[in-house]
């Protein structure tokens, strides 16, 4: 995976931006005019599936997976259409929309398996960008729709299932720059500073409070415990000193250990991070589950909302680390 080192000071971040612009993401297709006007540029980007998209100019009409679109938004790049969890049942923004305004967006699909080809075509897309997981080359694009999608626009997949949080954010920065982001802007530099500060704060909190943290996902029939190496924010937190429950038997996908509700107490934890994504049981839903109510962290009120798919921008990364810092800082050892 190509990446930018993100533990950088202000000067380093700006230098990285210059390297991106000159490193092959954007290739000039002509010389500047005599009066200094910028010439048209050819556009090229090689994604994490080792597929290269070549266009005559930088794409302007962009369709993206909601979480990736939210990261682009944090860098000042807007999209015309999105797919993936975008709005909740009451019309408010889904957690995966981040800070991105959802009003006015063409929502091509709002849930797994939904992808309206006619809506996709209606925005005249020049490019589609999505996350890339092992086994899912275009996250939230139904496999049976892929051929139709690629007949309408080229596609880009950005890897999120491997690499560190720094690397994944770095790759999102690269695609944002390729799509016109200005990483020398005050907003981006401030977000970088906040990201650095968030990491330092989490490291300090972890040193002061040696707690055992357990990431979970809850459904009516199954209780899932997260497998640490698959979650970039948690892996970084572990490097910074946070102690996590170690799931012993992750499922075939490698992300979660599946437990029956009778065995929800398999691991001891001081803090629970509960998957806050749409479709998962939330605290108000879980009150009817006796084994949930019996967990020490639940009894102590040490349960915190957590997004396993953070917004992979500097700002989104900062928020993810700040949530973990809050959980550690406001909790107490239970054993």
C-alpha atoms as a PDB file:
ATOM      1  CA  UNK A   1       0.000   0.000   0.000  1.00  0.00           C
ATOM      2  CA  UNK A   2       1.338   3.416  -0.929  1.00  0.00           C
ATOM      3  CA  UNK A   3       1.211   5.828   1.969  1.00  0.00           C
ATOM      4  CA  UNK A   4       2.250   9.142   3.465  1.00  0.00           C
ATOM      5  CA  UNK A   5       3.869   9.056   6.904  1.00  0.00           C
ATOM      6  CA  UNK A   6       1.361  10.959   8.987  1.00  0.00           C
ATOM      7  CA  UNK A   7       3.319  11.464  12.185  1.00  0.00           C
ATOM      8  CA  UNK A   8       4.602  14.692  10.684  1.00  0.00           C
ATOM      9  CA  UNK A   9       4.999  18.220  11.855  1.00  0.00           C
ATOM     10  CA  UNK A  10       3.345  21.061   9.944  1.00  0.00           C
ATOM     11  CA  UNK A  11       6.253  21.452   7.527  1.00  0.00           C
ATOM     12  CA  UNK A  12       6.370  17.720   6.897  1.00  0.00           C
ATOM     13  CA  UNK A  13       2.692  17.588   6.023  1.00  0.00           C
ATOM     14  CA  UNK A  14       3.006  20.364   3.480  1.00  0.00           C
ATOM     15  CA  UNK A  15       6.093  18.752   1.991  1.00  0.00           C
ATOM     16  CA  UNK A  16       4.227  15.487   1.657  1.00  0.00           C
ATOM     17  CA  UNK A  17       1.525  17.311  -0.243  1.00  0.00           C
ATOM     18  CA  UNK A  18       4.052  18.609  -2.734  1.00  0.00           C
ATOM     19  CA  UNK A  19       5.400  15.113  -3.237  1.00  0.00           C
ATOM     20  CA  UNK A  20       1.923  13.818  -3.929  1.00  0.00           C
ATOM     21  CA  UNK A  21       1.212  16.410  -6.550  1.00  0.00           C
ATOM     22  CA  UNK A  22       4.447  15.666  -8.358  1.00  0.00           C
ATOM     23  CA  UNK A  23       4.648  11.932  -7.767  1.00  0.00           C
ATOM     24  CA  UNK A  24       2.508  10.640 -10.609  1.00  0.00           C
ATOM     25  CA  UNK A  25      -1.019  11.043  -9.261  1.00  0.00           C
ATOM     26  CA  UNK A  26      -1.532  13.964 -11.616  1.00  0.00           C
ATOM     27  CA  UNK A  27       0.340  13.979 -14.908  1.00  0.00           C
ATOM     28  CA  UNK A  28       0.576  17.098 -17.052  1.00  0.00           C
ATOM     29  CA  UNK A  29      -0.694  16.725 -20.569  1.00  0.00           C
ATOM     30  CA  UNK A  30       0.491  20.053 -21.911  1.00  0.00           C
ATOM     31  CA  UNK A  31       2.641  23.094 -21.190  1.00  0.00           C
ATOM     32  CA  UNK A  32       1.396  26.230 -19.455  1.00  0.00           C
ATOM     33  CA  UNK A  33       0.336  29.111 -21.657  1.00  0.00           C
ATOM     34  CA  UNK A  34       2.469  32.220 -22.035  1.00  0.00           C
ATOM     35  CA  UNK A  35       0.265  34.285 -19.742  1.00  0.00           C
ATOM     36  CA  UNK A  36       0.642  31.765 -16.941  1.00  0.00           C
ATOM     37  CA  UNK A  37      -2.737  30.101 -17.239  1.00  0.00           C
ATOM     38  CA  UNK A  38      -2.788  26.516 -16.042  1.00  0.00           C
ATOM     39  CA  UNK A  39      -2.897  23.998 -18.842  1.00  0.00           C
ATOM     40  CA  UNK A  40      -5.326  21.111 -18.876  1.00  0.00           C
ATOM     41  CA  UNK A  41      -3.934  18.115 -17.036  1.00  0.00           C
ATOM     42  CA  UNK A  42      -4.316  14.470 -17.819  1.00  0.00           C
ATOM     43  CA  UNK A  43      -5.302  12.472 -14.753  1.00  0.00           C
ATOM     44  CA  UNK A  44      -4.062   9.091 -13.607  1.00  0.00           C
ATOM     45  CA  UNK A  45      -4.482   7.128 -10.391  1.00  0.00           C
ATOM     46  CA  UNK A  46      -3.427   3.586  -9.501  1.00  0.00           C
ATOM     47  CA  UNK A  47      -5.612   2.077  -6.813  1.00  0.00           C
ATOM     48  CA  UNK A  48      -4.992  -0.640  -4.238  1.00  0.00           C
ATOM     49  CA  UNK A  49      -6.269  -3.347  -6.585  1.00  0.00           C
ATOM     50  CA  UNK A  50      -3.338  -2.425  -8.848  1.00  0.00           C
ATOM     51  CA  UNK A  51      -5.748  -0.988 -11.384  1.00  0.00           C
ATOM     52  CA  UNK A  52      -4.949   2.328 -13.061  1.00  0.00           C
ATOM     53  CA  UNK A  53      -7.547   4.850 -14.167  1.00  0.00           C
ATOM     54  CA  UNK A  54      -6.456   7.285 -16.894  1.00  0.00           C
ATOM     55  CA  UNK A  55      -8.660  10.245 -17.797  1.00  0.00           C
ATOM     56  CA  UNK A  56      -8.198  13.286 -20.007  1.00  0.00           C
ATOM     57  CA  UNK A  57      -8.658  15.604 -17.024  1.00  0.00           C
ATOM     58  CA  UNK A  58      -9.333  15.576 -13.299  1.00  0.00           C
ATOM     59  CA  UNK A  59     -12.791  14.062 -12.700  1.00  0.00           C
ATOM     60  CA  UNK A  60     -15.407  16.512 -11.495  1.00  0.00           C
ATOM     61  CA  UNK A  61     -18.466  14.274 -11.156  1.00  0.00           C
ATOM     62  CA  UNK A  62     -17.592  11.850  -8.365  1.00  0.00           C
ATOM     63  CA  UNK A  63     -19.605   9.057  -6.777  1.00  0.00           C
ATOM     64  CA  UNK A  64     -18.201   7.468  -3.624  1.00  0.00           C
ATOM     65  CA  UNK A  65     -18.958   5.098  -0.780  1.00  0.00           C
ATOM     66  CA  UNK A  66     -20.380   7.237   2.007  1.00  0.00           C
ATOM     67  CA  UNK A  67     -17.519   6.749   4.461  1.00  0.00           C
ATOM     68  CA  UNK A  68     -14.928   7.560   1.816  1.00  0.00           C
ATOM     69  CA  UNK A  69     -16.967  10.548   0.625  1.00  0.00           C
ATOM     70  CA  UNK A  70     -16.969  11.798   4.219  1.00  0.00           C
ATOM     71  CA  UNK A  71     -13.166  11.634   4.292  1.00  0.00           C
ATOM     72  CA  UNK A  72     -12.956  13.509   0.988  1.00  0.00           C
ATOM     73  CA  UNK A  73     -15.283  16.150   2.427  1.00  0.00           C
ATOM     74  CA  UNK A  74     -12.886  16.704   5.322  1.00  0.00           C
ATOM     75  CA  UNK A  75     -10.247  17.578   2.718  1.00  0.00           C
ATOM     76  CA  UNK A  76     -12.553  19.940   0.836  1.00  0.00           C
ATOM     77  CA  UNK A  77     -13.575  17.560  -1.966  1.00  0.00           C
ATOM     78  CA  UNK A  78     -17.313  17.158  -2.564  1.00  0.00           C
ATOM     79  CA  UNK A  79     -19.073  14.356  -4.397  1.00  0.00           C
ATOM     80  CA  UNK A  80     -22.267  14.208  -6.424  1.00  0.00           C
ATOM     81  CA  UNK A  81     -23.553  10.836  -5.310  1.00  0.00           C
ATOM     82  CA  UNK A  82     -23.014   8.362  -2.492  1.00  0.00           C
ATOM     83  CA  UNK A  83     -23.815   4.751  -1.683  1.00  0.00           C
ATOM     84  CA  UNK A  84     -23.716   2.998   1.651  1.00  0.00           C
ATOM     85  CA  UNK A  85     -25.274   4.032   4.987  1.00  0.00           C
ATOM     86  CA  UNK A  86     -25.977   7.744   4.558  1.00  0.00           C
ATOM     87  CA  UNK A  87     -29.206   8.632   6.373  1.00  0.00           C
ATOM     88  CA  UNK A  88     -31.055   6.944   9.220  1.00  0.00           C
ATOM     89  CA  UNK A  89     -34.755   6.137   9.293  1.00  0.00           C
ATOM     90  CA  UNK A  90     -35.601   9.637  10.535  1.00  0.00           C
ATOM     91  CA  UNK A  91     -33.551  11.294   7.794  1.00  0.00           C
ATOM     92  CA  UNK A  92     -30.627  12.365   9.965  1.00  0.00           C
ATOM     93  CA  UNK A  93     -27.052  11.671   8.806  1.00  0.00           C
ATOM     94  CA  UNK A  94     -25.726   8.183   9.466  1.00  0.00           C
ATOM     95  CA  UNK A  95     -22.551   7.857  11.537  1.00  0.00           C
ATOM     96  CA  UNK A  96     -20.653   6.951   8.370  1.00  0.00           C
ATOM     97  CA  UNK A  97     -21.523  10.284   6.758  1.00  0.00           C
ATOM     98  CA  UNK A  98     -19.234  12.047   9.226  1.00  0.00           C
ATOM     99  CA  UNK A  99     -19.476  15.826   8.875  1.00  0.00           C
ATOM    100  CA  UNK A 100     -20.611  15.657   5.248  1.00  0.00           C
ATOM    101  CA  UNK A 101     -23.942  17.414   4.581  1.00  0.00           C
ATOM    102  CA  UNK A 102     -26.319  14.822   3.158  1.00  0.00           C
ATOM    103  CA  UNK A 103     -28.977  17.220   1.886  1.00  0.00           C
ATOM    104  CA  UNK A 104     -28.769  17.505  -1.876  1.00  0.00           C
ATOM    105  CA  UNK A 105     -26.694  14.364  -2.346  1.00  0.00           C
ATOM    106  CA  UNK A 106     -27.928  11.733  -4.755  1.00  0.00           C
ATOM    107  CA  UNK A 107     -28.174   8.621  -2.578  1.00  0.00           C
ATOM    108  CA  UNK A 108     -27.681   5.661  -4.890  1.00  0.00           C
ATOM    109  CA  UNK A 109     -28.050   3.123  -2.104  1.00  0.00           C
ATOM    110  CA  UNK A 110     -28.501   3.476   1.643  1.00  0.00           C
ATOM    111  CA  UNK A 111     -27.982  -0.105   2.805  1.00  0.00           C
ATOM    112  CA  UNK A 112     -26.147  -3.307   1.953  1.00  0.00           C
ATOM    113  CA  UNK A 113     -27.331  -4.669  -1.393  1.00  0.00           C
ATOM    114  CA  UNK A 114     -28.866  -1.378  -2.531  1.00  0.00           C
ATOM    115  CA  UNK A 115     -27.403   0.268  -5.633  1.00  0.00           C
ATOM    116  CA  UNK A 116     -29.712   2.095  -8.056  1.00  0.00           C
ATOM    117  CA  UNK A 117     -28.040   2.022 -11.470  1.00  0.00           C
ATOM    118  CA  UNK A 118     -30.440   4.624 -12.888  1.00  0.00           C
ATOM    119  CA  UNK A 119     -29.599   7.072 -10.097  1.00  0.00           C
ATOM    120  CA  UNK A 120     -25.922   6.342 -10.618  1.00  0.00           C
ATOM    121  CA  UNK A 121     -26.210   7.120 -14.325  1.00  0.00           C
ATOM    122  CA  UNK A 122     -28.232  10.272 -13.611  1.00  0.00           C
ATOM    123  CA  UNK A 123     -25.248  12.084 -12.088  1.00  0.00           C
ATOM    124  CA  UNK A 124     -23.121  11.375 -15.180  1.00  0.00           C
ATOM    125  CA  UNK A 125     -20.291   9.972 -13.047  1.00  0.00           C
ATOM    126  CA  UNK A 126     -16.734  10.347 -14.231  1.00  0.00           C
ATOM    127  CA  UNK A 127     -15.421   8.095 -11.483  1.00  0.00           C
ATOM    128  CA  UNK A 128     -16.586   5.851  -8.626  1.00  0.00           C
ATOM    129  CA  UNK A 129     -14.447   5.496  -5.501  1.00  0.00           C
ATOM    130  CA  UNK A 130     -14.994   2.952  -2.748  1.00  0.00           C
ATOM    131  CA  UNK A 131     -13.171   1.102  -0.031  1.00  0.00           C
ATOM    132  CA  UNK A 132     -11.466  -2.173  -0.808  1.00  0.00           C
ATOM    133  CA  UNK A 133     -11.534  -5.073   1.628  1.00  0.00           C
ATOM    134  CA  UNK A 134     -10.158  -8.535   0.992  1.00  0.00           C
ATOM    135  CA  UNK A 135     -13.019 -10.276  -0.767  1.00  0.00           C
ATOM    136  CA  UNK A 136     -14.870  -7.003  -1.399  1.00  0.00           C
ATOM    137  CA  UNK A 137     -13.108  -5.077  -4.195  1.00  0.00           C
ATOM    138  CA  UNK A 138     -15.688  -2.259  -4.118  1.00  0.00           C
ATOM    139  CA  UNK A 139     -17.333  -1.968  -0.718  1.00  0.00           C
ATOM    140  CA  UNK A 140     -21.142  -1.640  -0.913  1.00  0.00           C
ATOM    141  CA  UNK A 141     -21.204  -2.130  -4.685  1.00  0.00           C
ATOM    142  CA  UNK A 142     -23.165  -5.382  -5.155  1.00  0.00           C
ATOM    143  CA  UNK A 143     -21.085  -7.909  -7.066  1.00  0.00           C
ATOM    144  CA  UNK A 144     -23.901  -8.443  -9.565  1.00  0.00           C
ATOM    145  CA  UNK A 145     -23.897  -4.693 -10.335  1.00  0.00           C
ATOM    146  CA  UNK A 146     -20.161  -4.289 -10.853  1.00  0.00           C
ATOM    147  CA  UNK A 147     -20.178  -4.809 -14.610  1.00  0.00           C
ATOM    148  CA  UNK A 148     -22.983  -2.278 -15.110  1.00  0.00           C
ATOM    149  CA  UNK A 149     -21.195   0.214 -12.881  1.00  0.00           C
ATOM    150  CA  UNK A 150     -17.920  -0.125 -14.772  1.00  0.00           C
ATOM    151  CA  UNK A 151     -19.696   0.410 -18.080  1.00  0.00           C
ATOM    152  CA  UNK A 152     -20.767   3.832 -16.815  1.00  0.00           C
ATOM    153  CA  UNK A 153     -17.591   4.978 -15.030  1.00  0.00           C
ATOM    154  CA  UNK A 154     -14.123   3.729 -14.072  1.00  0.00           C
ATOM    155  CA  UNK A 155     -13.716   2.608 -10.472  1.00  0.00           C
ATOM    156  CA  UNK A 156     -11.106   3.032  -7.751  1.00  0.00           C
ATOM    157  CA  UNK A 157     -10.679   0.842  -4.659  1.00  0.00           C
ATOM    158  CA  UNK A 158      -8.860   2.177  -1.576  1.00  0.00           C
ATOM    159  CA  UNK A 159      -7.564  -0.505   0.813  1.00  0.00           C
ATOM    160  CA  UNK A 160      -8.712  -0.288   4.424  1.00  0.00           C
ATOM    161  CA  UNK A 161      -8.383  -3.874   5.678  1.00  0.00           C
ATOM    162  CA  UNK A 162      -4.590  -3.824   5.900  1.00  0.00           C
ATOM    163  CA  UNK A 163      -2.059  -1.256   6.999  1.00  0.00           C
ATOM    164  CA  UNK A 164      -1.831   1.082   9.961  1.00  0.00           C
ATOM    165  CA  UNK A 165      -4.209   3.941  10.662  1.00  0.00           C
ATOM    166  CA  UNK A 166      -1.485   6.310   9.454  1.00  0.00           C
ATOM    167  CA  UNK A 167      -1.177   4.405   6.187  1.00  0.00           C
ATOM    168  CA  UNK A 168      -4.902   4.207   5.520  1.00  0.00           C
ATOM    169  CA  UNK A 169      -5.371   7.911   6.219  1.00  0.00           C
ATOM    170  CA  UNK A 170      -2.357   8.537   4.004  1.00  0.00           C
ATOM    171  CA  UNK A 171      -3.954   6.700   1.122  1.00  0.00           C
ATOM    172  CA  UNK A 172      -7.162   8.696   1.553  1.00  0.00           C
ATOM    173  CA  UNK A 173      -5.085  11.846   1.510  1.00  0.00           C
ATOM    174  CA  UNK A 174      -3.583  10.733  -1.796  1.00  0.00           C
ATOM    175  CA  UNK A 175      -6.935  10.230  -3.505  1.00  0.00           C
ATOM    176  CA  UNK A 176      -8.184  13.517  -2.034  1.00  0.00           C
ATOM    177  CA  UNK A 177      -5.185  15.375  -3.455  1.00  0.00           C
ATOM    178  CA  UNK A 178      -5.686  13.662  -6.804  1.00  0.00           C
ATOM    179  CA  UNK A 179      -9.273  14.916  -6.779  1.00  0.00           C
ATOM    180  CA  UNK A 180      -8.279  18.489  -6.015  1.00  0.00           C
ATOM    181  CA  UNK A 181      -7.783  18.760  -2.250  1.00  0.00           C
ATOM    182  CA  UNK A 182      -5.560  21.539  -0.929  1.00  0.00           C
ATOM    183  CA  UNK A 183      -3.647  20.003   1.953  1.00  0.00           C
ATOM    184  CA  UNK A 184      -1.919  23.304   2.634  1.00  0.00           C
ATOM    185  CA  UNK A 185      -5.251  24.770   3.728  1.00  0.00           C
ATOM    186  CA  UNK A 186      -5.582  25.928   7.312  1.00  0.00           C
ATOM    187  CA  UNK A 187      -8.349  23.394   7.960  1.00  0.00           C
ATOM    188  CA  UNK A 188      -6.238  20.437   6.880  1.00  0.00           C
ATOM    189  CA  UNK A 189      -3.146  21.560   8.774  1.00  0.00           C
ATOM    190  CA  UNK A 190      -5.240  22.086  11.911  1.00  0.00           C
ATOM    191  CA  UNK A 191      -6.736  18.625  11.469  1.00  0.00           C
ATOM    192  CA  UNK A 192      -3.238  17.147  11.202  1.00  0.00           C
ATOM    193  CA  UNK A 193      -2.242  18.904  14.419  1.00  0.00           C
ATOM    194  CA  UNK A 194      -5.374  17.603  16.131  1.00  0.00           C
ATOM    195  CA  UNK A 195      -4.607  14.070  14.969  1.00  0.00           C
ATOM    196  CA  UNK A 196      -1.108  14.269  16.430  1.00  0.00           C
ATOM    197  CA  UNK A 197      -2.452  15.685  19.696  1.00  0.00           C
ATOM    198  CA  UNK A 198      -5.115  12.983  19.908  1.00  0.00           C
ATOM    199  CA  UNK A 199      -2.496  10.258  19.679  1.00  0.00           C
ATOM    200  CA  UNK A 200      -0.414  11.867  22.403  1.00  0.00           C
ATOM    201  CA  UNK A 201      -3.439  12.282  24.670  1.00  0.00           C
ATOM    202  CA  UNK A 202      -4.426   8.636  24.234  1.00  0.00           C
ATOM    203  CA  UNK A 203      -0.909   7.477  25.032  1.00  0.00           C
ATOM    204  CA  UNK A 204      -0.918   9.537  28.233  1.00  0.00           C
ATOM    205  CA  UNK A 205      -4.357   8.267  29.253  1.00  0.00           C
ATOM    206  CA  UNK A 206      -3.373   4.650  28.641  1.00  0.00           C
ATOM    207  CA  UNK A 207      -0.270   5.046  30.801  1.00  0.00           C
ATOM    208  CA  UNK A 208      -2.346   6.409  33.672  1.00  0.00           C
ATOM    209  CA  UNK A 209      -5.182   3.870  33.472  1.00  0.00           C
ATOM    210  CA  UNK A 210      -4.278   0.234  32.702  1.00  0.00           C
ATOM    211  CA  UNK A 211      -7.746  -0.924  31.644  1.00  0.00           C
ATOM    212  CA  UNK A 212      -8.852  -3.912  29.587  1.00  0.00           C
ATOM    213  CA  UNK A 213     -10.972  -2.792  26.615  1.00  0.00           C
ATOM    214  CA  UNK A 214     -13.276  -5.033  24.568  1.00  0.00           C
ATOM    215  CA  UNK A 215     -14.702  -4.001  21.153  1.00  0.00           C
ATOM    216  CA  UNK A 216     -18.027  -5.697  20.454  1.00  0.00           C
ATOM    217  CA  UNK A 217     -20.813  -5.936  17.922  1.00  0.00           C
ATOM    218  CA  UNK A 218     -24.235  -7.173  18.991  1.00  0.00           C
ATOM    219  CA  UNK A 219     -27.029  -8.861  17.071  1.00  0.00           C
ATOM    220  CA  UNK A 220     -30.098 -10.651  18.464  1.00  0.00           C
ATOM    221  CA  UNK A 221     -28.611 -14.071  17.774  1.00  0.00           C
ATOM    222  CA  UNK A 222     -24.861 -13.476  18.111  1.00  0.00           C
ATOM    223  CA  UNK A 223     -22.441 -11.509  20.280  1.00  0.00           C
ATOM    224  CA  UNK A 224     -19.236 -10.577  18.451  1.00  0.00           C
ATOM    225  CA  UNK A 225     -15.858  -9.662  19.954  1.00  0.00           C
ATOM    226  CA  UNK A 226     -13.522  -7.696  17.697  1.00  0.00           C
ATOM    227  CA  UNK A 227     -10.201  -9.129  16.541  1.00  0.00           C
ATOM    228  CA  UNK A 228      -7.749  -6.303  17.183  1.00  0.00           C
ATOM    229  CA  UNK A 229      -5.417  -6.547  14.134  1.00  0.00           C
ATOM    230  CA  UNK A 230      -8.323  -5.910  11.755  1.00  0.00           C
ATOM    231  CA  UNK A 231      -9.233  -2.501  13.184  1.00  0.00           C
ATOM    232  CA  UNK A 232      -6.793   0.283  12.379  1.00  0.00           C
ATOM    233  CA  UNK A 233      -7.865   2.666  15.139  1.00  0.00           C
ATOM    234  CA  UNK A 234      -7.695  -0.030  17.801  1.00  0.00           C
ATOM    235  CA  UNK A 235      -4.362  -1.321  16.546  1.00  0.00           C
ATOM    236  CA  UNK A 236      -2.936   2.173  16.821  1.00  0.00           C
ATOM    237  CA  UNK A 237      -4.420   2.515  20.309  1.00  0.00           C
ATOM    238  CA  UNK A 238      -2.709  -0.733  21.295  1.00  0.00           C
ATOM    239  CA  UNK A 239       0.601   0.630  20.033  1.00  0.00           C
ATOM    240  CA  UNK A 240      -0.027   3.668  22.239  1.00  0.00           C
ATOM    241  CA  UNK A 241      -0.502   1.476  25.298  1.00  0.00           C
ATOM    242  CA  UNK A 242      -4.209   0.655  25.483  1.00  0.00           C
ATOM    243  CA  UNK A 243      -4.809  -2.947  26.575  1.00  0.00           C
ATOM    244  CA  UNK A 244      -7.424  -4.920  24.655  1.00  0.00           C
ATOM    245  CA  UNK A 245      -9.164  -8.235  25.064  1.00  0.00           C
ATOM    246  CA  UNK A 246      -7.584 -10.667  22.600  1.00  0.00           C
ATOM    247  CA  UNK A 247     -10.255 -12.513  20.628  1.00  0.00           C
ATOM    248  CA  UNK A 248      -8.996 -16.088  20.398  1.00  0.00           C
ATOM    249  CA  UNK A 249     -11.037 -17.498  17.532  1.00  0.00           C
ATOM    250  CA  UNK A 250     -11.921 -14.931  14.848  1.00  0.00           C
ATOM    251  CA  UNK A 251     -14.366 -16.067  12.198  1.00  0.00           C
ATOM    252  CA  UNK A 252     -13.513 -16.768   8.566  1.00  0.00           C
ATOM    253  CA  UNK A 253     -13.528 -13.075   7.654  1.00  0.00           C
ATOM    254  CA  UNK A 254     -11.062 -12.468  10.473  1.00  0.00           C
ATOM    255  CA  UNK A 255     -12.795  -9.480  12.045  1.00  0.00           C
ATOM    256  CA  UNK A 256     -14.871 -10.938  14.861  1.00  0.00           C
ATOM    257  CA  UNK A 257     -15.076 -13.882  17.204  1.00  0.00           C
ATOM    258  CA  UNK A 258     -18.653 -15.146  17.245  1.00  0.00           C
ATOM    259  CA  UNK A 259     -20.095 -16.026  20.642  1.00  0.00           C
ATOM    260  CA  UNK A 260     -23.513 -17.194  21.700  1.00  0.00           C
ATOM    261  CA  UNK A 261     -25.231 -14.877  24.133  1.00  0.00           C
ATOM    262  CA  UNK A 262     -24.779 -17.551  26.796  1.00  0.00           C
ATOM    263  CA  UNK A 263     -21.019 -17.071  26.380  1.00  0.00           C
ATOM    264  CA  UNK A 264     -20.995 -13.276  26.181  1.00  0.00           C
ATOM    265  CA  UNK A 265     -19.017 -13.232  29.434  1.00  0.00           C
ATOM    266  CA  UNK A 266     -16.115 -15.248  27.970  1.00  0.00           C
ATOM    267  CA  UNK A 267     -13.723 -12.307  28.338  1.00  0.00           C
ATOM    268  CA  UNK A 268     -13.246  -9.945  31.273  1.00  0.00           C
ATOM    269  CA  UNK A 269     -13.239  -6.269  30.340  1.00  0.00           C
ATOM    270  CA  UNK A 270     -13.288  -2.960  32.169  1.00  0.00           C
ATOM    271  CA  UNK A 271     -14.527  -1.045  29.131  1.00  0.00           C
ATOM    272  CA  UNK A 272     -16.772  -2.049  26.238  1.00  0.00           C
ATOM    273  CA  UNK A 273     -16.680  -0.348  22.841  1.00  0.00           C
ATOM    274  CA  UNK A 274     -20.045  -1.013  21.203  1.00  0.00           C
ATOM    275  CA  UNK A 275     -20.378  -0.933  17.414  1.00  0.00           C
ATOM    276  CA  UNK A 276     -22.583   2.096  16.694  1.00  0.00           C
ATOM    277  CA  UNK A 277     -23.224   1.395  13.013  1.00  0.00           C
ATOM    278  CA  UNK A 278     -26.748   1.063  11.662  1.00  0.00           C
ATOM    279  CA  UNK A 279     -28.288  -2.376  12.070  1.00  0.00           C
ATOM    280  CA  UNK A 280     -26.437  -3.279  15.253  1.00  0.00           C
ATOM    281  CA  UNK A 281     -28.088  -3.494  18.664  1.00  0.00           C
ATOM    282  CA  UNK A 282     -27.521  -0.400  20.798  1.00  0.00           C
ATOM    283  CA  UNK A 283     -27.626  -0.017  24.610  1.00  0.00           C
ATOM    284  CA  UNK A 284     -31.364   0.623  24.678  1.00  0.00           C
ATOM    285  CA  UNK A 285     -31.920  -2.568  22.657  1.00  0.00           C
ATOM    286  CA  UNK A 286     -29.644  -4.668  24.835  1.00  0.00           C
ATOM    287  CA  UNK A 287     -31.447  -4.139  28.131  1.00  0.00           C
ATOM    288  CA  UNK A 288     -33.514  -7.250  27.363  1.00  0.00           C
ATOM    289  CA  UNK A 289     -30.408  -9.470  27.256  1.00  0.00           C
ATOM    290  CA  UNK A 290     -29.577 -10.779  30.769  1.00  0.00           C
ATOM    291  CA  UNK A 291     -26.008 -11.743  29.895  1.00  0.00           C
ATOM    292  CA  UNK A 292     -25.382  -8.225  28.586  1.00  0.00           C
ATOM    293  CA  UNK A 293     -26.757  -6.673  31.748  1.00  0.00           C
ATOM    294  CA  UNK A 294     -24.515  -8.934  33.818  1.00  0.00           C
ATOM    295  CA  UNK A 295     -21.266  -7.814  32.185  1.00  0.00           C
ATOM    296  CA  UNK A 296     -19.158  -5.791  34.669  1.00  0.00           C
ATOM    297  CA  UNK A 297     -18.530  -2.955  32.212  1.00  0.00           C
ATOM    298  CA  UNK A 298     -22.260  -2.664  31.550  1.00  0.00           C
ATOM    299  CA  UNK A 299     -23.045  -2.620  35.267  1.00  0.00           C
ATOM    300  CA  UNK A 300     -20.435   0.098  35.764  1.00  0.00           C
ATOM    301  CA  UNK A 301     -21.760   2.223  32.906  1.00  0.00           C
ATOM    302  CA  UNK A 302     -18.462   1.887  31.046  1.00  0.00           C
ATOM    303  CA  UNK A 303     -19.889   1.279  27.568  1.00  0.00           C
ATOM    304  CA  UNK A 304     -18.953   3.662  24.745  1.00  0.00           C
ATOM    305  CA  UNK A 305     -20.140   4.012  21.173  1.00  0.00           C
ATOM    306  CA  UNK A 306     -17.530   3.100  18.577  1.00  0.00           C
ATOM    307  CA  UNK A 307     -17.430   3.165  14.785  1.00  0.00           C
ATOM    308  CA  UNK A 308     -15.399   0.234  13.385  1.00  0.00           C
ATOM    309  CA  UNK A 309     -15.261   2.112  10.062  1.00  0.00           C
ATOM    310  CA  UNK A 310     -13.856   5.495  11.113  1.00  0.00           C
ATOM    311  CA  UNK A 311     -13.704   8.401   8.715  1.00  0.00           C
ATOM    312  CA  UNK A 312     -10.209   8.032   7.264  1.00  0.00           C
ATOM    313  CA  UNK A 313      -9.166  11.666   7.238  1.00  0.00           C
ATOM    314  CA  UNK A 314      -6.914  13.424   9.728  1.00  0.00           C
ATOM    315  CA  UNK A 315     -10.007  14.898  11.355  1.00  0.00           C
ATOM    316  CA  UNK A 316     -11.823  11.572  11.381  1.00  0.00           C
ATOM    317  CA  UNK A 317      -8.756   9.823  12.764  1.00  0.00           C
ATOM    318  CA  UNK A 318      -8.459  12.432  15.503  1.00  0.00           C
ATOM    319  CA  UNK A 319     -12.078  11.907  16.487  1.00  0.00           C
ATOM    320  CA  UNK A 320     -11.635   8.128  16.594  1.00  0.00           C
ATOM    321  CA  UNK A 321      -8.644   8.439  18.922  1.00  0.00           C
ATOM    322  CA  UNK A 322     -10.413  11.051  21.062  1.00  0.00           C
ATOM    323  CA  UNK A 323     -13.338   8.675  21.599  1.00  0.00           C
ATOM    324  CA  UNK A 324     -10.912   6.041  22.862  1.00  0.00           C
ATOM    325  CA  UNK A 325      -9.226   8.585  25.121  1.00  0.00           C
ATOM    326  CA  UNK A 326     -12.595   9.540  26.589  1.00  0.00           C
ATOM    327  CA  UNK A 327     -13.399   5.897  27.258  1.00  0.00           C
ATOM    328  CA  UNK A 328     -10.095   5.262  29.012  1.00  0.00           C
ATOM    329  CA  UNK A 329     -10.088   8.530  30.954  1.00  0.00           C
ATOM    330  CA  UNK A 330     -13.643   8.189  32.264  1.00  0.00           C
ATOM    331  CA  UNK A 331     -13.452   4.527  33.272  1.00  0.00           C
ATOM    332  CA  UNK A 332     -12.119   2.645  36.281  1.00  0.00           C
ATOM    333  CA  UNK A 333     -10.566  -0.811  36.675  1.00  0.00           C
ATOM    334  CA  UNK A 334     -13.215  -3.343  37.668  1.00  0.00           C
ATOM    335  CA  UNK A 335     -11.027  -6.142  38.947  1.00  0.00           C
END
